[in-house]
Amino acid sequence: MKRAFFVLTFIMLALYGRLGYELFTDDSFLESSLSGSLSDIAETVTAIPLQSTGGEQINAINYFRQENDNIFLVSNHILYRFHTSGAFICRITDPEVMQVAVYVIDRSTKQLIVLGNKDDIHYYSFTGELLDKKKITGDEFHRIHSIVMHDHSIWTAEENVCFDSSTQQLCIEKQVVKYDSSFQKVEAYKLSSADLSNKPFCSSFLQLELAIAEDTGNVYAYSPPFTPDYLLQDTLLLRHRQLTPGHSLYTDDISVYPLRFGRRYWLSSYHNSADPTQDYTFCFDRDSSKSWKVTGGFNDDFYHTGRVSNLQALDAYSNSYYYSKPGIVFIVQLKG
């Protein structure tokens, strides 16, 4: 009887030890914070006050990019060039000619390849001289979401409204297309939605952006979800499966993920100007396995401007971000 008791005790201890180890190593129990400051993830934050363009003050800023001593940005659908000191240099595009949707910098030719709002492509010099223009398809149902330059090629995320003869319904086809620098199509990849733990993240309703995994050079598409409810669980699940950025859960070449993959941090930021209560920022630190799910964004403890509700990637590699206040842009260099 005594021996049976010791055997049973040993089995129970072994069982509880195993359960404790599994509990300790289970990703779902990793630390998660509902509040955070920029200093938690940022090494430095640099403020650049922007001079007036001569006609109006720069307020809302999109597609902020840096090239050596030049910085480019879009405000009110106009592309501008500034010095890194914030001094205004010139206006690149004329709003009476085109409304800027997105653009990319071709560093090899020192040109700006600008996508308008009607599928038209304009090539500008850094001084604002129009060098060339062309149309991609001319199809009013065709739309380009984003554009990046990578390995001397142009990559775009596109969608097209089409008719599915098998279901007799309209459908939206999305794909990533690779072009050469002259916008001649090289190849196209069908987009798939990475079904993280079988929960939707509404990628079909938000604009797709393209990003590059720095370690592999793989291209993937990103779209923030409307709600962060499943971001923490799904991101830890993604980590548990040990997927690398650009690797699909299925058989397609390029997948849609609800977060950006940086060198150290995985980050998703959603901003709703109509309803700020829906703003959130999710961040996962691969080094410490700590995560943040912050409503309204991280608190700016560098310049004390309040919460940063709209972190935008500075480049396609997602290691630096920016945010803006009226007349000022802030560059965030992440740790690691």
Protein backbone atom coordinates (compact mmCIF):
# COMPACT_ATOMS: atom_id res chain seq x y z
CA MET A 1 0.00 0.00 0.00
CA LYS A 2 2.79 2.35 0.94
CA ARG A 3 4.61 1.56 -2.30
CA ALA A 4 1.47 2.20 -4.30
CA PHE A 5 1.12 5.56 -2.54
CA PHE A 6 4.66 6.60 -3.51
CA VAL A 7 4.13 5.47 -7.11
CA LEU A 8 0.89 7.45 -7.29
CA THR A 9 2.59 10.49 -5.73
CA PHE A 10 5.43 10.26 -8.25
CA ILE A 11 2.98 10.06 -11.14
CA MET A 12 1.03 13.07 -9.82
CA LEU A 13 4.21 15.13 -9.38
CA ALA A 14 5.35 14.22 -12.88
CA LEU A 15 1.95 15.12 -14.29
CA TYR A 16 1.79 18.49 -12.49
CA GLY A 17 5.37 19.20 -13.46
CA ARG A 18 4.56 18.61 -17.10
CA LEU A 19 1.41 20.74 -16.89
CA GLY A 20 3.38 23.51 -15.21
CA TYR A 21 6.03 23.42 -17.91
CA GLU A 22 3.41 23.56 -20.66
CA LEU A 23 1.68 26.42 -18.88
CA PHE A 24 4.96 28.31 -18.54
CA THR A 25 5.87 27.84 -22.20
CA ASP A 26 2.37 28.43 -23.59
CA ASP A 27 2.42 31.57 -25.78
CA SER A 28 -1.09 32.51 -24.67
CA PHE A 29 0.27 33.39 -21.22
CA LEU A 30 2.90 35.84 -22.42
CA GLU A 31 2.80 39.31 -20.94
CA SER A 32 0.43 41.80 -22.57
CA SER A 33 -0.01 45.47 -21.60
CA LEU A 34 -3.05 47.64 -22.21
CA SER A 35 -0.99 50.84 -21.92
CA GLY A 36 2.45 51.90 -23.06
CA SER A 37 4.77 54.75 -23.97
CA LEU A 38 6.84 55.34 -27.07
CA SER A 39 10.00 54.82 -25.04
CA ASP A 40 8.94 51.19 -24.57
CA ILE A 41 9.63 50.47 -28.23
CA ALA A 42 11.48 53.51 -29.63
CA GLU A 43 15.21 54.19 -29.42
CA THR A 44 14.84 57.79 -30.59
CA VAL A 45 12.14 60.16 -31.81
CA THR A 46 13.21 63.11 -34.00
CA ALA A 47 10.98 66.12 -34.59
CA ILE A 48 11.16 68.01 -37.90
CA PRO A 49 9.24 71.32 -37.97
CA LEU A 50 8.09 71.94 -41.55
CA GLN A 51 8.22 75.36 -43.13
CA SER A 52 5.16 76.76 -44.85
CA THR A 53 4.96 75.92 -48.54
CA GLY A 54 4.16 79.54 -49.29
CA GLY A 55 0.52 78.80 -49.88
CA GLU A 56 -0.58 76.78 -46.88
CA GLN A 57 0.66 75.11 -43.73
CA ILE A 58 1.32 71.38 -43.89
CA ASN A 59 -1.15 69.62 -41.61
CA ALA A 60 -2.22 66.08 -42.47
CA ILE A 61 0.77 64.10 -43.77
CA ASN A 62 0.82 60.85 -45.73
CA TYR A 63 3.57 58.79 -47.37
CA PHE A 64 6.45 60.52 -45.65
CA ARG A 65 9.72 59.28 -47.21
CA GLN A 66 13.38 60.20 -46.86
CA GLU A 67 16.11 60.11 -49.49
CA ASN A 68 19.52 61.39 -48.30
CA ASP A 69 18.97 65.07 -47.37
CA ASN A 70 15.53 65.16 -48.99
CA ILE A 71 12.20 64.33 -47.46
CA PHE A 72 9.03 63.90 -49.49
CA LEU A 73 5.45 63.84 -48.28
CA VAL A 74 1.87 64.06 -49.49
CA SER A 75 -0.54 66.59 -48.01
CA ASN A 76 -4.00 67.27 -49.45
CA HIS A 77 -3.12 64.99 -52.40
CA ILE A 78 -0.09 67.17 -53.30
CA LEU A 79 3.48 65.85 -53.27
CA TYR A 80 6.06 68.17 -51.68
CA ARG A 81 9.83 68.13 -51.22
CA PHE A 82 11.59 69.43 -48.10
CA HIS A 83 15.12 69.38 -46.72
CA THR A 84 15.66 67.15 -43.69
CA SER A 85 15.94 70.35 -41.64
CA GLY A 86 12.31 71.07 -42.51
CA ALA A 87 13.10 73.81 -45.03
CA PHE A 88 10.62 73.86 -47.93
CA ILE A 89 12.23 73.20 -51.33
CA CYS A 90 9.47 72.79 -53.92
CA ARG A 91 6.07 71.46 -54.80
CA ILE A 92 6.36 68.40 -57.05
CA THR A 93 2.81 67.95 -58.35
CA ASP A 94 0.12 70.37 -59.47
CA PRO A 95 -3.31 69.64 -57.92
CA GLU A 96 -5.00 70.90 -61.09
CA VAL A 97 -3.20 68.22 -63.08
CA MET A 98 -3.47 65.24 -60.73
CA GLN A 99 -4.47 64.14 -57.24
CA VAL A 100 -1.67 62.08 -55.73
CA ALA A 101 -2.71 58.66 -54.44
CA VAL A 102 0.70 57.11 -53.67
CA TYR A 103 4.25 57.41 -54.98
CA VAL A 104 7.62 55.70 -54.84
CA ILE A 105 11.21 56.97 -55.07
CA ASP A 106 13.38 55.45 -57.77
CA ARG A 107 16.79 56.00 -56.18
CA SER A 108 18.75 54.74 -59.18
CA THR A 109 17.34 57.42 -61.52
CA LYS A 110 16.47 60.02 -58.85
CA GLN A 111 12.89 60.10 -60.03
CA LEU A 112 9.53 60.14 -58.30
CA ILE A 113 7.03 57.68 -59.74
CA VAL A 114 3.63 59.06 -58.79
CA LEU A 115 0.32 57.25 -58.99
CA GLY A 116 -2.70 59.48 -59.58
CA ASN A 117 -6.32 58.84 -58.75
CA LYS A 118 -7.25 57.50 -62.19
CA ASP A 119 -4.69 54.77 -62.82
CA ASP A 120 -2.27 57.28 -64.34
CA ILE A 121 1.47 57.17 -63.65
CA HIS A 122 3.61 60.33 -63.73
CA TYR A 123 7.40 60.45 -63.61
CA TYR A 124 8.85 63.56 -61.95
CA SER A 125 12.36 64.78 -61.24
CA PHE A 126 13.26 65.87 -57.71
CA THR A 127 12.83 69.47 -58.89
CA GLY A 128 9.22 68.87 -59.94
CA GLU A 129 9.77 68.54 -63.70
CA LEU A 130 7.30 66.17 -65.38
CA LEU A 131 9.41 63.67 -67.32
CA ASP A 132 6.85 61.14 -68.56
CA LYS A 133 3.31 59.86 -67.97
CA LYS A 134 1.30 56.78 -68.90
CA LYS A 135 -1.80 54.80 -68.00
CA ILE A 136 -1.73 51.27 -66.69
CA THR A 137 -5.09 49.86 -67.78
CA GLY A 138 -7.62 52.67 -68.09
CA ASP A 139 -10.19 50.37 -66.46
CA GLU A 140 -12.43 52.31 -64.06
CA PHE A 141 -12.99 49.14 -62.00
CA HIS A 142 -9.26 48.65 -61.52
CA ARG A 143 -7.54 50.12 -58.47
CA ILE A 144 -3.98 50.22 -57.13
CA HIS A 145 -3.76 50.32 -53.35
CA SER A 146 -0.05 50.78 -52.81
CA ILE A 147 3.32 50.80 -54.52
CA VAL A 148 6.86 50.04 -53.35
CA MET A 149 10.27 49.89 -55.02
CA HIS A 150 12.29 46.78 -54.24
CA ASP A 151 15.31 45.23 -55.94
CA HIS A 152 15.01 47.59 -58.95
CA SER A 153 11.41 46.53 -59.51
CA ILE A 154 8.05 48.15 -58.78
CA TRP A 155 5.57 46.15 -56.72
CA THR A 156 1.89 47.07 -56.44
CA ALA A 157 -1.13 45.76 -54.55
CA GLU A 158 -4.11 45.90 -56.89
CA GLU A 159 -7.78 44.98 -56.98
CA ASN A 160 -10.24 44.57 -59.81
CA VAL A 161 -14.03 44.23 -59.73
CA CYS A 162 -15.01 41.33 -61.97
CA PHE A 163 -17.87 38.95 -62.67
CA ASP A 164 -17.64 35.37 -61.43
CA SER A 165 -19.43 33.24 -63.99
CA SER A 166 -19.57 30.23 -61.65
CA THR A 167 -21.52 32.09 -58.97
CA GLN A 168 -23.12 34.71 -61.23
CA GLN A 169 -21.96 37.40 -58.82
CA LEU A 170 -19.61 40.34 -58.83
CA CYS A 171 -16.36 39.71 -57.03
CA ILE A 172 -13.17 41.54 -56.14
CA GLU A 173 -9.91 40.02 -57.25
CA LYS A 174 -6.76 41.12 -55.45
CA GLN A 175 -3.21 40.51 -56.50
CA VAL A 176 0.35 41.70 -56.12
CA VAL A 177 1.94 42.68 -59.42
CA LYS A 178 5.61 43.08 -60.21
CA TYR A 179 6.62 45.67 -62.85
CA ASP A 180 9.91 46.89 -64.21
CA SER A 181 10.81 50.57 -63.76
CA SER A 182 8.97 51.40 -67.02
CA PHE A 183 5.78 49.85 -65.62
CA GLN A 184 5.85 46.84 -67.90
CA LYS A 185 4.23 43.91 -66.11
CA VAL A 186 6.68 41.15 -65.21
CA GLU A 187 4.56 38.77 -63.13
CA ALA A 188 1.52 38.68 -60.86
CA TYR A 189 0.69 36.79 -57.68
CA LYS A 190 -2.74 35.95 -56.33
CA LEU A 191 -3.34 37.21 -52.81
CA SER A 192 -4.63 34.90 -50.13
CA SER A 193 -5.96 35.80 -46.70
CA ALA A 194 -3.97 34.19 -43.95
CA ASP A 195 -6.71 32.62 -41.82
CA LEU A 196 -5.10 33.14 -38.43
CA SER A 197 -6.95 30.85 -35.99
CA ASN A 198 -9.95 30.97 -38.35
CA LYS A 199 -10.93 34.50 -37.31
CA PRO A 200 -11.53 37.24 -39.88
CA PHE A 201 -9.51 40.41 -39.80
CA CYS A 202 -11.46 42.33 -42.45
CA SER A 203 -8.57 42.70 -44.90
CA SER A 204 -11.05 43.05 -47.75
CA PHE A 205 -12.37 46.36 -46.48
CA LEU A 206 -9.17 48.33 -45.88
CA GLN A 207 -6.50 49.45 -48.29
CA LEU A 208 -3.66 47.00 -48.76
CA GLU A 209 -0.08 48.11 -48.27
CA LEU A 210 3.02 46.23 -49.32
CA ALA A 211 5.98 45.48 -47.09
CA ILE A 212 9.29 43.67 -47.40
CA ALA A 213 10.75 41.16 -44.95
CA GLU A 214 14.25 42.52 -44.49
CA ASP A 215 15.94 39.21 -43.71
CA THR A 216 14.51 37.29 -46.68
CA GLY A 217 13.44 39.97 -49.16
CA ASN A 218 10.00 38.34 -49.36
CA VAL A 219 7.08 40.60 -50.27
CA TYR A 220 3.85 40.47 -48.32
CA ALA A 221 0.68 42.56 -48.14
CA TYR A 222 -0.58 44.19 -44.96
CA SER A 223 -3.98 45.48 -43.93
CA PRO A 224 -4.88 46.50 -40.37
CA PRO A 225 -8.10 44.98 -39.03
CA PHE A 226 -10.97 47.10 -37.80
CA THR A 227 -10.72 45.56 -34.35
CA PRO A 228 -7.71 44.40 -32.33
CA ASP A 229 -9.70 41.74 -30.49
CA TYR A 230 -7.89 38.82 -32.09
CA LEU A 231 -4.56 40.45 -32.85
CA LEU A 232 -2.80 39.27 -29.71
CA GLN A 233 -4.02 35.68 -29.91
CA ASP A 234 -3.48 35.42 -33.65
CA THR A 235 -0.01 36.96 -33.54
CA LEU A 236 1.10 34.55 -30.83
CA LEU A 237 -0.38 31.73 -32.88
CA LEU A 238 1.59 32.95 -35.88
CA ARG A 239 4.71 33.01 -33.74
CA HIS A 240 3.99 29.55 -32.37
CA ARG A 241 3.85 28.18 -35.91
CA GLN A 242 7.26 29.76 -36.48
CA LEU A 243 6.25 31.32 -39.76
CA THR A 244 8.58 33.79 -41.40
CA PRO A 245 7.28 36.99 -43.04
CA GLY A 246 6.06 36.24 -46.54
CA HIS A 247 5.52 32.53 -45.83
CA SER A 248 1.95 31.50 -46.56
CA LEU A 249 -0.24 29.27 -44.45
CA TYR A 250 -1.48 27.88 -47.74
CA THR A 251 0.01 27.42 -51.19
CA ASP A 252 -0.04 30.95 -52.58
CA ASP A 253 3.15 32.91 -53.07
CA ILE A 254 2.09 36.04 -51.21
CA SER A 255 -0.24 36.33 -48.22
CA VAL A 256 -2.12 39.09 -46.46
CA TYR A 257 -1.21 39.57 -42.80
CA PRO A 258 -2.89 41.92 -40.32
CA LEU A 259 0.42 43.27 -39.03
CA ARG A 260 3.80 44.52 -40.22
CA PHE A 261 6.93 42.48 -39.60
CA GLY A 262 9.97 44.52 -38.60
CA ARG A 263 13.43 43.41 -37.52
CA ARG A 264 12.39 43.19 -33.88
CA TYR A 265 8.78 44.36 -33.64
CA TRP A 266 5.55 43.22 -35.23
CA LEU A 267 3.15 46.15 -35.31
CA SER A 268 -0.38 46.98 -36.40
CA SER A 269 -1.87 50.46 -36.09
CA TYR A 270 -5.42 51.43 -37.01
CA HIS A 271 -6.61 55.04 -37.07
CA ASN A 272 -10.19 56.19 -37.52
CA SER A 273 -10.41 59.98 -37.75
CA ALA A 274 -14.22 59.82 -37.63
CA ASP A 275 -14.23 57.83 -34.39
CA PRO A 276 -10.99 58.11 -32.37
CA THR A 277 -12.34 55.66 -29.79
CA GLN A 278 -11.64 52.92 -32.31
CA ASP A 279 -7.94 53.82 -32.63
CA TYR A 280 -5.56 51.12 -31.47
CA THR A 281 -1.94 50.09 -31.72
CA PHE A 282 -0.79 46.51 -31.31
CA CYS A 283 2.90 45.71 -30.94
CA PHE A 284 4.75 42.46 -30.26
CA ASP A 285 8.41 42.43 -29.21
CA ARG A 286 10.11 39.33 -30.57
CA ASP A 287 13.10 39.76 -28.25
CA SER A 288 11.24 39.94 -24.94
CA SER A 289 7.98 38.23 -25.98
CA LYS A 290 6.12 41.21 -24.54
CA SER A 291 3.14 42.71 -26.30
CA TRP A 292 1.02 45.84 -26.13
CA LYS A 293 -2.60 46.27 -27.16
CA VAL A 294 -3.16 49.99 -26.60
CA THR A 295 -6.39 51.86 -27.29
CA GLY A 296 -5.61 55.29 -28.70
CA GLY A 297 -1.93 54.53 -29.29
CA PHE A 298 1.30 54.83 -27.31
CA ASN A 299 1.82 57.85 -25.10
CA ASP A 300 4.43 60.27 -26.48
CA ASP A 301 6.89 60.61 -23.60
CA PHE A 302 9.55 62.14 -25.88
CA TYR A 303 7.78 65.36 -26.95
CA HIS A 304 4.65 65.05 -24.80
CA THR A 305 2.22 65.55 -27.69
CA GLY A 306 -0.31 63.12 -26.25
CA ARG A 307 -1.18 59.70 -27.62
CA VAL A 308 0.22 58.64 -30.98
CA SER A 309 -2.81 57.12 -32.67
CA ASN A 310 -1.50 56.85 -36.23
CA LEU A 311 1.94 55.27 -36.54
CA GLN A 312 2.87 54.87 -40.21
CA ALA A 313 5.80 52.92 -41.63
CA LEU A 314 8.61 55.11 -42.93
CA ASP A 315 9.72 52.51 -45.47
CA ALA A 316 8.79 49.06 -46.73
CA TYR A 317 10.96 47.31 -44.12
CA SER A 318 8.94 48.48 -41.10
CA ASN A 319 11.84 49.30 -38.78
CA SER A 320 11.13 53.04 -38.62
CA TYR A 321 7.81 54.83 -38.30
CA TYR A 322 6.50 58.37 -38.29
CA TYR A 323 3.59 60.35 -36.94
CA SER A 324 2.63 63.97 -37.43
CA LYS A 325 1.08 66.97 -35.74
CA PRO A 326 0.16 70.21 -37.54
CA GLY A 327 3.37 71.53 -39.10
CA ILE A 328 5.62 68.86 -37.54
CA VAL A 329 6.59 65.32 -38.46
CA PHE A 330 8.19 62.93 -35.95
CA ILE A 331 10.48 60.09 -37.03
CA VAL A 332 10.44 57.07 -34.72
CA GLN A 333 13.48 54.79 -34.78
CA LEU A 334 12.52 51.51 -33.12
CA LYS A 335 14.85 49.65 -30.77
CA GLY A 336 16.94 46.78 -32.02
